[in-house]
Amino acid sequence: MTPQELKSVLQAGLLPFALTDFDSELRFAPKPYTERLEWLQPYGASAPFAAGGAGEFFSLASQEFGAVVQVAVERCRGRTPIIAGAGAGGGGTLAIGYAQEAERLGAQGILLLPHYLTEASQEGLAARLRAPDARDFFLPYIALRNQGQGYAVAIVKAGATWVGHGAGPVRPPLSPTSSPPKSRHCARCWCRWERNSNSNSPRRPCGRQRPAIRGRWPSR
């Protein structure tokens, strides 16, 4: 795939940051990770990100990074390109090493994460927060995230567990959600996103309802 072809792919469709599945011993779990990538396909995933921010790139050893990217490339071969994470405070030398390994394994692109987040003007932030999707999803989501340090990935994993696609625990230094109610709250946010982004999802109020995934209501 040429850079121009990849650019075209990135301009359309869903760009999911796939969670990295771990077992109870916090080891990479290839089988559920493979199933996760397969689960994303019907939702229009055009270029999944493997070992990115939500994939806990910062906690992966080099051999684990290679294993995650390899599984993603092999599973999605011939259907979607894979973008692999690199950077995120590891320094230039490490970032180059990860990028070279991702290329060797067949990833079509690199998500080069800086050691800091870019800033935005107050006017830009205010305009963004006035958007309907910000009020309905992102602001409640941020409120959940702010309930505890290290929750940024944990609440995504909690929501995935609630809808029947658990990815195992998060690794330190991240913190797990402390109680099932937080998982339910994450699921409500997820349900809002499902209703707004998928015209085939049941149009039910989230409230105490369980989130609909492909027309089925998963068991607790």
N, C-alpha and C. Protein backbone atom coordinates (compact mmCIF):
# COMPACT_ATOMS: atom_id res chain seq x y z
N MET A 1 0.83 -1.18 0.00
CA MET A 1 0.00 0.00 0.00
C MET A 1 0.88 1.25 0.00
N THR A 2 0.61 2.15 -0.92
CA THR A 2 1.39 3.38 -1.01
C THR A 2 0.92 4.38 0.05
N PRO A 3 1.75 5.36 0.38
CA PRO A 3 1.32 6.38 1.34
C PRO A 3 0.04 7.09 0.92
N GLN A 4 -0.12 7.35 -0.37
CA GLN A 4 -1.32 8.03 -0.84
C GLN A 4 -2.55 7.14 -0.66
N GLU A 5 -2.39 5.83 -0.91
CA GLU A 5 -3.51 4.91 -0.70
C GLU A 5 -3.90 4.84 0.77
N LEU A 6 -2.89 4.81 1.64
CA LEU A 6 -3.17 4.78 3.07
C LEU A 6 -3.87 6.07 3.51
N LYS A 7 -3.45 7.19 2.97
CA LYS A 7 -4.09 8.46 3.28
C LYS A 7 -5.57 8.42 2.93
N SER A 8 -5.90 7.85 1.79
CA SER A 8 -7.30 7.75 1.37
C SER A 8 -8.11 6.89 2.33
N VAL A 9 -7.50 5.79 2.79
CA VAL A 9 -8.17 4.90 3.74
C VAL A 9 -8.46 5.63 5.04
N LEU A 10 -7.49 6.41 5.49
CA LEU A 10 -7.63 7.11 6.78
C LEU A 10 -8.65 8.23 6.75
N GLN A 11 -9.06 8.62 5.58
CA GLN A 11 -10.02 9.72 5.45
C GLN A 11 -11.46 9.25 5.49
N ALA A 12 -11.67 7.95 5.59
CA ALA A 12 -13.04 7.42 5.59
C ALA A 12 -13.13 6.21 6.51
N GLY A 13 -14.32 5.98 7.04
CA GLY A 13 -14.54 4.81 7.85
C GLY A 13 -14.14 5.00 9.31
N LEU A 14 -14.28 3.93 10.06
CA LEU A 14 -13.96 3.92 11.49
C LEU A 14 -12.48 3.62 11.70
N LEU A 15 -11.83 4.41 12.55
CA LEU A 15 -10.42 4.21 12.88
C LEU A 15 -10.34 3.78 14.34
N PRO A 16 -10.53 2.50 14.63
CA PRO A 16 -10.60 2.05 16.02
C PRO A 16 -9.23 1.87 16.67
N PHE A 17 -9.12 2.34 17.90
CA PHE A 17 -7.94 2.07 18.71
C PHE A 17 -8.23 0.80 19.50
N ALA A 18 -7.78 -0.33 19.00
CA ALA A 18 -8.12 -1.62 19.59
C ALA A 18 -7.49 -1.78 20.96
N LEU A 19 -8.30 -2.23 21.93
CA LEU A 19 -7.76 -2.60 23.23
C LEU A 19 -6.83 -3.78 23.07
N THR A 20 -5.83 -3.88 23.94
CA THR A 20 -4.96 -5.05 23.96
C THR A 20 -5.46 -5.99 25.05
N ASP A 21 -5.76 -7.22 24.69
CA ASP A 21 -6.29 -8.19 25.65
C ASP A 21 -5.17 -8.79 26.50
N PHE A 22 -5.41 -8.82 27.81
CA PHE A 22 -4.50 -9.47 28.75
C PHE A 22 -5.25 -10.55 29.51
N ASP A 23 -4.54 -11.60 29.94
CA ASP A 23 -5.16 -12.61 30.78
C ASP A 23 -5.07 -12.18 32.24
N SER A 24 -5.47 -13.07 33.16
CA SER A 24 -5.49 -12.71 34.58
C SER A 24 -4.10 -12.49 35.15
N GLU A 25 -3.06 -12.96 34.44
CA GLU A 25 -1.68 -12.74 34.86
C GLU A 25 -1.04 -11.56 34.14
N LEU A 26 -1.87 -10.78 33.45
CA LEU A 26 -1.44 -9.59 32.70
C LEU A 26 -0.50 -9.93 31.55
N ARG A 27 -0.67 -11.12 30.98
CA ARG A 27 0.09 -11.51 29.79
C ARG A 27 -0.78 -11.27 28.56
N PHE A 28 -0.15 -10.92 27.45
CA PHE A 28 -0.90 -10.70 26.22
C PHE A 28 -1.66 -11.96 25.86
N ALA A 29 -2.95 -11.79 25.52
CA ALA A 29 -3.84 -12.90 25.19
C ALA A 29 -4.20 -12.83 23.71
N PRO A 30 -3.50 -13.55 22.84
CA PRO A 30 -3.72 -13.44 21.39
C PRO A 30 -5.13 -13.83 20.93
N LYS A 31 -5.70 -14.89 21.50
CA LYS A 31 -6.99 -15.38 21.00
C LYS A 31 -8.11 -14.35 21.17
N PRO A 32 -8.35 -13.83 22.39
CA PRO A 32 -9.40 -12.80 22.48
C PRO A 32 -9.07 -11.53 21.72
N TYR A 33 -7.78 -11.24 21.57
CA TYR A 33 -7.40 -10.05 20.79
C TYR A 33 -7.78 -10.25 19.32
N THR A 34 -7.56 -11.46 18.83
CA THR A 34 -7.97 -11.79 17.46
C THR A 34 -9.47 -11.64 17.30
N GLU A 35 -10.22 -12.14 18.28
CA GLU A 35 -11.68 -12.04 18.24
C GLU A 35 -12.13 -10.58 18.29
N ARG A 36 -11.40 -9.76 19.02
CA ARG A 36 -11.74 -8.33 19.10
C ARG A 36 -11.61 -7.66 17.74
N LEU A 37 -10.52 -7.95 17.05
CA LEU A 37 -10.31 -7.38 15.73
C LEU A 37 -11.40 -7.82 14.76
N GLU A 38 -11.82 -9.07 14.91
CA GLU A 38 -12.89 -9.59 14.05
C GLU A 38 -14.21 -8.90 14.38
N TRP A 39 -14.44 -8.65 15.65
CA TRP A 39 -15.67 -7.99 16.11
C TRP A 39 -15.79 -6.59 15.53
N LEU A 40 -14.68 -5.90 15.33
CA LEU A 40 -14.70 -4.53 14.83
C LEU A 40 -15.02 -4.45 13.34
N GLN A 41 -14.77 -5.51 12.60
CA GLN A 41 -14.90 -5.46 11.14
C GLN A 41 -16.29 -5.02 10.65
N PRO A 42 -17.39 -5.60 11.17
CA PRO A 42 -18.71 -5.21 10.65
C PRO A 42 -19.08 -3.76 10.93
N TYR A 43 -18.35 -3.10 11.82
CA TYR A 43 -18.67 -1.71 12.15
C TYR A 43 -17.97 -0.73 11.21
N GLY A 44 -17.36 -1.23 10.17
CA GLY A 44 -16.73 -0.35 9.20
C GLY A 44 -15.34 0.07 9.58
N ALA A 45 -14.61 -0.80 10.30
CA ALA A 45 -13.24 -0.48 10.69
C ALA A 45 -12.36 -0.45 9.45
N SER A 46 -11.89 0.73 9.09
CA SER A 46 -11.10 0.85 7.86
C SER A 46 -9.61 0.72 8.10
N ALA A 47 -9.14 1.05 9.31
CA ALA A 47 -7.71 0.94 9.62
C ALA A 47 -7.53 0.87 11.14
N PRO A 48 -7.59 -0.33 11.72
CA PRO A 48 -7.41 -0.46 13.17
C PRO A 48 -5.99 -0.05 13.60
N PHE A 49 -5.92 0.55 14.80
CA PHE A 49 -4.65 0.89 15.41
C PHE A 49 -4.27 -0.20 16.40
N ALA A 50 -3.13 -0.82 16.20
CA ALA A 50 -2.66 -1.89 17.08
C ALA A 50 -1.59 -1.34 18.01
N ALA A 51 -1.70 -1.67 19.29
CA ALA A 51 -0.73 -1.21 20.29
C ALA A 51 -0.62 0.30 20.30
N GLY A 52 -1.77 0.95 20.28
CA GLY A 52 -1.81 2.40 20.38
C GLY A 52 -2.03 2.83 21.82
N GLY A 53 -2.59 4.02 22.01
CA GLY A 53 -2.81 4.51 23.37
C GLY A 53 -3.77 3.66 24.15
N ALA A 54 -4.96 3.38 23.57
CA ALA A 54 -5.94 2.52 24.25
C ALA A 54 -5.45 1.08 24.32
N GLY A 55 -4.49 0.73 23.47
CA GLY A 55 -3.90 -0.61 23.49
C GLY A 55 -2.75 -0.74 24.48
N GLU A 56 -2.57 0.28 25.34
CA GLU A 56 -1.55 0.26 26.40
C GLU A 56 -0.14 0.04 25.86
N PHE A 57 0.16 0.76 24.78
CA PHE A 57 1.48 0.68 24.16
C PHE A 57 2.59 0.90 25.18
N PHE A 58 2.36 1.84 26.09
CA PHE A 58 3.39 2.24 27.05
C PHE A 58 3.76 1.13 28.02
N SER A 59 2.92 0.08 28.13
CA SER A 59 3.23 -0.99 29.08
C SER A 59 3.71 -2.27 28.40
N LEU A 60 3.82 -2.24 27.07
CA LEU A 60 4.21 -3.44 26.33
C LEU A 60 5.73 -3.53 26.21
N ALA A 61 6.26 -4.72 26.53
CA ALA A 61 7.66 -4.99 26.26
C ALA A 61 7.84 -5.10 24.75
N SER A 62 9.07 -5.01 24.28
CA SER A 62 9.31 -5.00 22.84
C SER A 62 8.78 -6.26 22.16
N GLN A 63 8.98 -7.43 22.80
CA GLN A 63 8.48 -8.67 22.18
C GLN A 63 6.96 -8.74 22.19
N GLU A 64 6.35 -8.13 23.21
CA GLU A 64 4.89 -8.10 23.25
C GLU A 64 4.35 -7.17 22.17
N PHE A 65 5.01 -6.04 21.99
CA PHE A 65 4.62 -5.13 20.91
C PHE A 65 4.62 -5.87 19.58
N GLY A 66 5.69 -6.62 19.32
CA GLY A 66 5.77 -7.38 18.08
C GLY A 66 4.65 -8.39 17.96
N ALA A 67 4.33 -9.06 19.07
CA ALA A 67 3.27 -10.07 19.04
C ALA A 67 1.91 -9.44 18.75
N VAL A 68 1.63 -8.29 19.36
CA VAL A 68 0.35 -7.61 19.14
C VAL A 68 0.21 -7.18 17.68
N VAL A 69 1.25 -6.57 17.16
CA VAL A 69 1.20 -6.09 15.77
C VAL A 69 1.10 -7.27 14.80
N GLN A 70 1.84 -8.33 15.07
CA GLN A 70 1.81 -9.49 14.18
C GLN A 70 0.42 -10.12 14.12
N VAL A 71 -0.21 -10.28 15.28
CA VAL A 71 -1.56 -10.83 15.31
C VAL A 71 -2.52 -9.95 14.51
N ALA A 72 -2.41 -8.64 14.71
CA ALA A 72 -3.31 -7.72 14.00
C ALA A 72 -3.10 -7.77 12.49
N VAL A 73 -1.85 -7.78 12.07
CA VAL A 73 -1.54 -7.82 10.64
C VAL A 73 -2.06 -9.11 10.01
N GLU A 74 -1.82 -10.23 10.68
CA GLU A 74 -2.23 -11.51 10.12
C GLU A 74 -3.75 -11.64 10.08
N ARG A 75 -4.42 -11.14 11.11
CA ARG A 75 -5.87 -11.27 11.16
C ARG A 75 -6.56 -10.39 10.13
N CYS A 76 -6.02 -9.21 9.89
CA CYS A 76 -6.68 -8.25 9.00
C CYS A 76 -6.10 -8.23 7.60
N ARG A 77 -5.18 -9.13 7.33
CA ARG A 77 -4.54 -9.16 6.01
C ARG A 77 -5.56 -9.29 4.89
N GLY A 78 -5.42 -8.44 3.89
CA GLY A 78 -6.32 -8.49 2.74
C GLY A 78 -7.64 -7.77 2.97
N ARG A 79 -7.87 -7.26 4.18
CA ARG A 79 -9.13 -6.56 4.46
C ARG A 79 -8.90 -5.11 4.86
N THR A 80 -8.05 -4.90 5.86
CA THR A 80 -7.78 -3.54 6.31
C THR A 80 -6.29 -3.40 6.63
N PRO A 81 -5.73 -2.21 6.44
CA PRO A 81 -4.35 -1.97 6.88
C PRO A 81 -4.31 -1.84 8.39
N ILE A 82 -3.12 -2.05 8.96
CA ILE A 82 -2.91 -1.90 10.39
C ILE A 82 -1.95 -0.75 10.64
N ILE A 83 -2.34 0.11 11.60
CA ILE A 83 -1.48 1.22 12.02
C ILE A 83 -0.92 0.86 13.39
N ALA A 84 0.39 0.85 13.53
CA ALA A 84 1.02 0.46 14.80
C ALA A 84 1.51 1.69 15.55
N GLY A 85 1.41 1.64 16.87
CA GLY A 85 1.86 2.75 17.70
C GLY A 85 3.37 2.77 17.83
N ALA A 86 3.91 3.96 18.04
CA ALA A 86 5.35 4.12 18.28
C ALA A 86 5.55 5.48 18.93
N GLY A 87 6.54 5.59 19.78
CA GLY A 87 6.82 6.87 20.42
C GLY A 87 6.28 6.94 21.82
N ALA A 88 5.46 7.96 22.11
CA ALA A 88 4.83 8.16 23.41
C ALA A 88 5.82 8.22 24.56
N GLY A 89 6.84 9.03 24.43
CA GLY A 89 7.75 9.26 25.53
C GLY A 89 8.91 8.30 25.61
N GLY A 90 9.00 7.36 24.69
CA GLY A 90 10.08 6.38 24.75
C GLY A 90 11.40 6.90 24.20
N GLY A 91 11.39 8.08 23.60
CA GLY A 91 12.62 8.61 23.04
C GLY A 91 12.76 8.24 21.58
N GLY A 92 13.58 9.01 20.86
CA GLY A 92 13.72 8.81 19.42
C GLY A 92 14.25 7.46 19.03
N THR A 93 15.25 6.96 19.74
CA THR A 93 15.85 5.67 19.38
C THR A 93 14.84 4.54 19.51
N LEU A 94 14.09 4.53 20.62
CA LEU A 94 13.09 3.49 20.81
C LEU A 94 11.98 3.60 19.77
N ALA A 95 11.57 4.82 19.48
CA ALA A 95 10.49 5.01 18.50
C ALA A 95 10.91 4.47 17.13
N ILE A 96 12.14 4.72 16.75
CA ILE A 96 12.65 4.21 15.48
C ILE A 96 12.64 2.69 15.48
N GLY A 97 13.07 2.10 16.59
CA GLY A 97 13.08 0.64 16.69
C GLY A 97 11.70 0.04 16.55
N TYR A 98 10.71 0.64 17.24
CA TYR A 98 9.34 0.15 17.13
C TYR A 98 8.80 0.33 15.71
N ALA A 99 9.10 1.45 15.10
CA ALA A 99 8.63 1.69 13.74
C ALA A 99 9.22 0.68 12.77
N GLN A 100 10.51 0.37 12.92
CA GLN A 100 11.15 -0.61 12.04
C GLN A 100 10.56 -2.00 12.24
N GLU A 101 10.29 -2.35 13.51
CA GLU A 101 9.69 -3.65 13.79
C GLU A 101 8.29 -3.75 13.21
N ALA A 102 7.51 -2.68 13.34
CA ALA A 102 6.16 -2.68 12.78
C ALA A 102 6.20 -2.84 11.26
N GLU A 103 7.15 -2.17 10.61
CA GLU A 103 7.29 -2.29 9.16
C GLU A 103 7.67 -3.72 8.79
N ARG A 104 8.58 -4.32 9.55
CA ARG A 104 9.01 -5.69 9.27
C ARG A 104 7.85 -6.69 9.38
N LEU A 105 6.95 -6.42 10.31
CA LEU A 105 5.83 -7.33 10.54
C LEU A 105 4.68 -7.11 9.56
N GLY A 106 4.76 -6.03 8.78
CA GLY A 106 3.75 -5.81 7.75
C GLY A 106 2.73 -4.73 8.04
N ALA A 107 2.93 -3.95 9.11
CA ALA A 107 2.02 -2.82 9.37
C ALA A 107 2.15 -1.80 8.25
N GLN A 108 1.03 -1.21 7.86
CA GLN A 108 1.04 -0.27 6.74
C GLN A 108 1.29 1.17 7.17
N GLY A 109 1.23 1.43 8.48
CA GLY A 109 1.42 2.80 8.94
C GLY A 109 1.87 2.84 10.39
N ILE A 110 2.29 4.02 10.83
CA ILE A 110 2.79 4.23 12.18
C ILE A 110 2.02 5.39 12.81
N LEU A 111 1.58 5.19 14.05
CA LEU A 111 1.02 6.27 14.83
C LEU A 111 2.14 6.77 15.74
N LEU A 112 2.78 7.85 15.35
CA LEU A 112 3.91 8.37 16.11
C LEU A 112 3.38 9.30 17.19
N LEU A 113 3.37 8.80 18.42
CA LEU A 113 2.80 9.54 19.54
C LEU A 113 3.85 10.46 20.15
N PRO A 114 3.55 11.75 20.30
CA PRO A 114 4.52 12.67 20.92
C PRO A 114 4.57 12.45 22.43
N HIS A 115 5.55 13.03 23.08
CA HIS A 115 5.65 12.90 24.53
C HIS A 115 4.74 13.88 25.25
N TYR A 116 3.99 14.67 24.51
CA TYR A 116 3.04 15.60 25.10
C TYR A 116 1.86 15.73 24.15
N LEU A 117 0.75 16.21 24.65
CA LEU A 117 -0.43 16.42 23.81
C LEU A 117 -0.44 17.84 23.29
N THR A 118 -0.91 18.00 22.06
CA THR A 118 -1.00 19.34 21.49
C THR A 118 -2.08 20.14 22.22
N GLU A 119 -1.94 21.45 22.20
CA GLU A 119 -2.88 22.32 22.90
C GLU A 119 -3.85 22.94 21.90
N ALA A 120 -4.97 23.41 22.42
CA ALA A 120 -5.97 24.08 21.59
C ALA A 120 -6.36 25.39 22.25
N SER A 121 -6.87 26.31 21.44
CA SER A 121 -7.31 27.59 21.99
C SER A 121 -8.59 27.40 22.79
N GLN A 122 -8.90 28.35 23.68
CA GLN A 122 -10.13 28.29 24.46
C GLN A 122 -11.35 28.38 23.55
N GLU A 123 -11.23 29.19 22.49
CA GLU A 123 -12.35 29.32 21.55
C GLU A 123 -12.62 28.00 20.85
N GLY A 124 -11.54 27.33 20.46
CA GLY A 124 -11.71 26.04 19.79
C GLY A 124 -12.33 25.00 20.70
N LEU A 125 -11.89 24.97 21.96
CA LEU A 125 -12.45 24.02 22.92
C LEU A 125 -13.93 24.31 23.17
N ALA A 126 -14.27 25.59 23.30
CA ALA A 126 -15.66 25.94 23.56
C ALA A 126 -16.56 25.52 22.40
N ALA A 127 -16.10 25.74 21.18
CA ALA A 127 -16.88 25.35 20.00
C ALA A 127 -17.05 23.84 19.96
N ARG A 128 -16.00 23.13 20.33
CA ARG A 128 -16.09 21.66 20.32
C ARG A 128 -17.09 21.15 21.34
N LEU A 129 -17.12 21.77 22.51
CA LEU A 129 -18.01 21.30 23.58
C LEU A 129 -19.47 21.64 23.32
N ARG A 130 -19.72 22.58 22.40
CA ARG A 130 -21.10 22.90 22.06
C ARG A 130 -21.71 21.90 21.09
N ALA A 131 -20.88 21.05 20.50
CA ALA A 131 -21.38 20.07 19.53
C ALA A 131 -22.23 19.03 20.25
N PRO A 132 -23.31 18.54 19.60
CA PRO A 132 -24.20 17.56 20.24
C PRO A 132 -23.48 16.31 20.72
N ASP A 133 -22.54 15.75 19.92
CA ASP A 133 -21.88 14.52 20.34
C ASP A 133 -21.02 14.76 21.57
N ALA A 134 -20.53 16.00 21.75
CA ALA A 134 -19.75 16.30 22.95
C ALA A 134 -20.65 16.27 24.18
N ARG A 135 -21.84 16.86 24.06
CA ARG A 135 -22.76 16.89 25.21
C ARG A 135 -23.29 15.50 25.54
N ASP A 136 -23.58 14.70 24.51
CA ASP A 136 -24.22 13.41 24.72
C ASP A 136 -23.26 12.29 25.09
N PHE A 137 -22.01 12.43 24.65
CA PHE A 137 -21.08 11.33 24.91
C PHE A 137 -19.81 11.78 25.60
N PHE A 138 -19.09 12.73 25.02
CA PHE A 138 -17.75 13.03 25.50
C PHE A 138 -17.74 13.65 26.90
N LEU A 139 -18.67 14.55 27.19
CA LEU A 139 -18.67 15.16 28.52
C LEU A 139 -18.99 14.13 29.61
N PRO A 140 -20.02 13.27 29.43
CA PRO A 140 -20.24 12.22 30.42
C PRO A 140 -19.05 11.26 30.51
N TYR A 141 -18.44 11.01 29.38
CA TYR A 141 -17.27 10.12 29.36
C TYR A 141 -16.11 10.73 30.14
N ILE A 142 -15.87 12.02 29.95
CA ILE A 142 -14.79 12.69 30.68
C ILE A 142 -15.08 12.67 32.17
N ALA A 143 -16.35 12.85 32.53
CA ALA A 143 -16.70 12.80 33.96
C ALA A 143 -16.38 11.44 34.56
N LEU A 144 -16.63 10.39 33.80
CA LEU A 144 -16.27 9.04 34.27
C LEU A 144 -14.76 8.90 34.39
N ARG A 145 -14.06 9.37 33.39
CA ARG A 145 -12.60 9.25 33.40
C ARG A 145 -11.99 9.97 34.59
N ASN A 146 -12.59 11.09 34.96
CA ASN A 146 -12.04 11.89 36.04
C ASN A 146 -12.37 11.33 37.43
N GLN A 147 -13.11 10.24 37.50
CA GLN A 147 -13.42 9.66 38.80
C GLN A 147 -12.22 8.99 39.44
N GLY A 148 -11.19 8.74 38.65
CA GLY A 148 -9.99 8.12 39.23
C GLY A 148 -8.81 8.28 38.31
N GLN A 149 -7.62 8.41 38.88
CA GLN A 149 -6.41 8.49 38.07
C GLN A 149 -6.14 7.15 37.40
N GLY A 150 -5.71 7.22 36.15
CA GLY A 150 -5.42 5.99 35.42
C GLY A 150 -6.64 5.31 34.84
N TYR A 151 -7.80 6.02 34.81
CA TYR A 151 -9.04 5.40 34.32
C TYR A 151 -9.21 5.49 32.80
N ALA A 152 -8.34 6.21 32.11
CA ALA A 152 -8.55 6.49 30.69
C ALA A 152 -8.78 5.24 29.87
N VAL A 153 -7.99 4.20 30.11
CA VAL A 153 -8.16 2.94 29.39
C VAL A 153 -9.07 2.00 30.17
N ALA A 154 -9.01 2.08 31.50
CA ALA A 154 -9.79 1.15 32.32
C ALA A 154 -11.28 1.26 32.06
N ILE A 155 -11.79 2.48 31.84
CA ILE A 155 -13.23 2.60 31.62
C ILE A 155 -13.62 2.06 30.24
N VAL A 156 -12.71 2.11 29.27
CA VAL A 156 -13.00 1.52 27.96
C VAL A 156 -13.07 0.00 28.11
N LYS A 157 -12.12 -0.56 28.86
CA LYS A 157 -12.14 -2.01 29.08
C LYS A 157 -13.38 -2.43 29.89
N ALA A 158 -13.78 -1.59 30.83
CA ALA A 158 -14.98 -1.88 31.61
C ALA A 158 -16.21 -1.91 30.72
N GLY A 159 -16.31 -0.93 29.82
CA GLY A 159 -17.44 -0.91 28.89
C GLY A 159 -17.42 -2.10 27.95
N ALA A 160 -16.22 -2.50 27.47
CA ALA A 160 -16.12 -3.67 26.59
C ALA A 160 -16.56 -4.93 27.32
N THR A 161 -16.20 -5.05 28.60
CA THR A 161 -16.62 -6.20 29.40
C THR A 161 -18.13 -6.22 29.55
N TRP A 162 -18.70 -5.05 29.79
CA TRP A 162 -20.14 -4.96 30.02
C TRP A 162 -20.95 -5.39 28.81
N VAL A 163 -20.42 -5.17 27.59
CA VAL A 163 -21.16 -5.56 26.39
C VAL A 163 -20.72 -6.91 25.84
N GLY A 164 -19.94 -7.66 26.65
CA GLY A 164 -19.61 -9.02 26.27
C GLY A 164 -18.34 -9.20 25.48
N HIS A 165 -17.46 -8.21 25.46
CA HIS A 165 -16.21 -8.30 24.72
C HIS A 165 -15.05 -7.86 25.61
N GLY A 166 -14.96 -8.46 26.79
CA GLY A 166 -13.93 -8.11 27.75
C GLY A 166 -12.52 -8.30 27.21
N ALA A 167 -11.61 -7.42 27.65
CA ALA A 167 -10.22 -7.48 27.21
C ALA A 167 -9.27 -7.75 28.38
N GLY A 168 -9.82 -8.21 29.51
CA GLY A 168 -8.97 -8.46 30.66
C GLY A 168 -8.65 -7.19 31.41
N PRO A 169 -7.79 -7.28 32.43
CA PRO A 169 -7.47 -6.11 33.25
C PRO A 169 -6.49 -5.17 32.56
N VAL A 170 -6.38 -3.97 33.09
CA VAL A 170 -5.34 -3.05 32.64
C VAL A 170 -4.06 -3.35 33.41
N ARG A 171 -2.94 -2.94 32.85
CA ARG A 171 -1.66 -3.13 33.51
C ARG A 171 -1.29 -1.88 34.30
N PRO A 172 -0.56 -2.06 35.40
CA PRO A 172 -0.01 -0.89 36.09
C PRO A 172 0.88 -0.11 35.13
N PRO A 173 0.94 1.20 35.23
CA PRO A 173 0.44 2.04 36.31
C PRO A 173 -1.03 2.43 36.19
N LEU A 174 -1.76 1.92 35.21
CA LEU A 174 -3.18 2.23 35.12
C LEU A 174 -3.92 1.56 36.27
N SER A 175 -5.09 2.11 36.61
CA SER A 175 -5.89 1.58 37.71
C SER A 175 -7.18 1.00 37.17
N PRO A 176 -7.61 -0.15 37.69
CA PRO A 176 -8.90 -0.70 37.27
C PRO A 176 -10.04 0.13 37.85
N THR A 177 -11.21 0.06 37.23
CA THR A 177 -12.37 0.70 37.83
C THR A 177 -12.67 -0.02 39.13
N SER A 178 -13.14 0.71 40.12
CA SER A 178 -13.20 0.18 41.47
C SER A 178 -14.46 -0.59 41.79
N SER A 179 -15.50 -0.45 40.97
CA SER A 179 -16.74 -1.13 41.30
C SER A 179 -17.59 -1.34 40.06
N PRO A 180 -18.48 -2.35 40.05
CA PRO A 180 -19.34 -2.60 38.89
C PRO A 180 -20.16 -1.42 38.43
N PRO A 181 -20.66 -0.54 39.34
CA PRO A 181 -21.44 0.60 38.82
C PRO A 181 -20.70 1.43 37.80
N LYS A 182 -19.38 1.60 37.97
CA LYS A 182 -18.64 2.37 36.99
C LYS A 182 -18.69 1.69 35.63
N SER A 183 -18.65 0.34 35.63
CA SER A 183 -18.77 -0.39 34.37
C SER A 183 -20.12 -0.13 33.73
N ARG A 184 -21.18 -0.09 34.54
CA ARG A 184 -22.51 0.17 34.00
C ARG A 184 -22.60 1.58 33.43
N HIS A 185 -21.97 2.54 34.12
CA HIS A 185 -21.98 3.90 33.60
C HIS A 185 -21.24 3.99 32.27
N CYS A 186 -20.13 3.26 32.16
CA CYS A 186 -19.41 3.23 30.89
C CYS A 186 -20.28 2.66 29.80
N ALA A 187 -21.04 1.62 30.14
CA ALA A 187 -21.89 0.99 29.15
C ALA A 187 -22.97 1.94 28.66
N ARG A 188 -23.45 2.81 29.54
CA ARG A 188 -24.47 3.78 29.11
C ARG A 188 -23.88 4.75 28.10
N CYS A 189 -22.65 5.20 28.35
CA CYS A 189 -21.98 6.07 27.38
C CYS A 189 -21.82 5.32 26.06
N TRP A 190 -21.42 4.05 26.17
CA TRP A 190 -21.22 3.23 24.98
C TRP A 190 -22.53 3.09 24.23
N CYS A 191 -23.61 2.92 24.97
CA CYS A 191 -24.92 2.77 24.35
C CYS A 191 -25.29 4.03 23.57
N ARG A 192 -25.01 5.19 24.15
CA ARG A 192 -25.28 6.44 23.44
C ARG A 192 -24.51 6.49 22.13
N TRP A 193 -23.24 6.10 22.21
CA TRP A 193 -22.41 6.11 20.99
C TRP A 193 -22.98 5.15 19.96
N GLU A 194 -23.41 3.95 20.41
CA GLU A 194 -23.97 2.96 19.49
C GLU A 194 -25.20 3.52 18.78
N ARG A 195 -26.08 4.14 19.55
CA ARG A 195 -27.31 4.66 18.95
C ARG A 195 -27.03 5.77 17.96
N ASN A 196 -26.06 6.62 18.27
CA ASN A 196 -25.78 7.76 17.40
C ASN A 196 -25.00 7.38 16.15
N SER A 197 -24.18 6.31 16.24
CA SER A 197 -23.29 6.00 15.14
C SER A 197 -23.76 4.83 14.28
N ASN A 198 -24.72 4.04 14.77
CA ASN A 198 -25.14 2.85 14.04
C ASN A 198 -26.64 2.91 13.84
N SER A 199 -27.05 3.15 12.62
CA SER A 199 -28.49 3.30 12.35
C SER A 199 -29.25 2.02 12.56
N ASN A 200 -28.56 0.88 12.63
CA ASN A 200 -29.23 -0.40 12.82
C ASN A 200 -29.41 -0.75 14.29
N SER A 201 -28.85 0.05 15.20
CA SER A 201 -28.96 -0.23 16.63
C SER A 201 -30.36 0.10 17.11
N PRO A 202 -30.90 -0.67 18.05
CA PRO A 202 -32.23 -0.37 18.58
C PRO A 202 -32.27 1.02 19.19
N ARG A 203 -33.34 1.75 18.90
CA ARG A 203 -33.46 3.12 19.40
C ARG A 203 -34.15 3.08 20.76
N ARG A 204 -33.41 2.64 21.77
CA ARG A 204 -33.97 2.58 23.11
C ARG A 204 -33.22 3.55 24.01
N PRO A 205 -33.91 4.08 25.03
CA PRO A 205 -33.18 4.94 25.97
C PRO A 205 -32.17 4.12 26.72
N CYS A 206 -30.99 4.72 27.00
CA CYS A 206 -29.95 3.96 27.69
C CYS A 206 -30.34 3.68 29.13
N GLY A 207 -30.57 4.74 29.92
CA GLY A 207 -31.01 4.57 31.29
C GLY A 207 -30.54 3.28 31.93
N ARG A 208 -31.50 2.40 32.24
CA ARG A 208 -31.17 1.12 32.84
C ARG A 208 -31.13 0.00 31.81
N GLN A 209 -31.32 0.33 30.56
CA GLN A 209 -31.27 -0.68 29.53
C GLN A 209 -29.84 -1.12 29.29
N ARG A 210 -29.67 -2.32 28.82
CA ARG A 210 -28.34 -2.79 28.46
C ARG A 210 -28.02 -2.38 27.04
N PRO A 211 -26.76 -2.13 26.73
CA PRO A 211 -26.39 -1.66 25.39
C PRO A 211 -26.60 -2.73 24.34
N ALA A 212 -27.11 -2.32 23.16
CA ALA A 212 -27.37 -3.26 22.09
C ALA A 212 -26.16 -3.41 21.20
N ILE A 213 -25.75 -4.63 20.95
CA ILE A 213 -24.65 -4.91 20.05
C ILE A 213 -25.15 -5.89 19.00
N ARG A 214 -25.21 -5.43 17.74
CA ARG A 214 -25.68 -6.24 16.62
C ARG A 214 -27.05 -6.87 16.90
N GLY A 215 -27.91 -6.10 17.54
CA GLY A 215 -29.27 -6.57 17.74
C GLY A 215 -29.44 -7.50 18.92
N ARG A 216 -28.41 -7.79 19.71
CA ARG A 216 -28.52 -8.69 20.84
C ARG A 216 -28.24 -7.93 22.12
N TRP A 217 -28.93 -8.32 23.19
CA TRP A 217 -28.67 -7.73 24.49
C TRP A 217 -27.83 -8.69 25.28
N PRO A 218 -26.52 -8.40 25.51
CA PRO A 218 -25.64 -9.35 26.16
C PRO A 218 -26.03 -9.60 27.61
N SER A 219 -25.75 -10.81 28.07
CA SER A 219 -26.03 -11.15 29.46
C SER A 219 -25.02 -10.48 30.36
N ARG A 220 -25.37 -10.32 31.62
CA ARG A 220 -24.46 -9.69 32.58
C ARG A 220 -23.32 -10.64 32.90
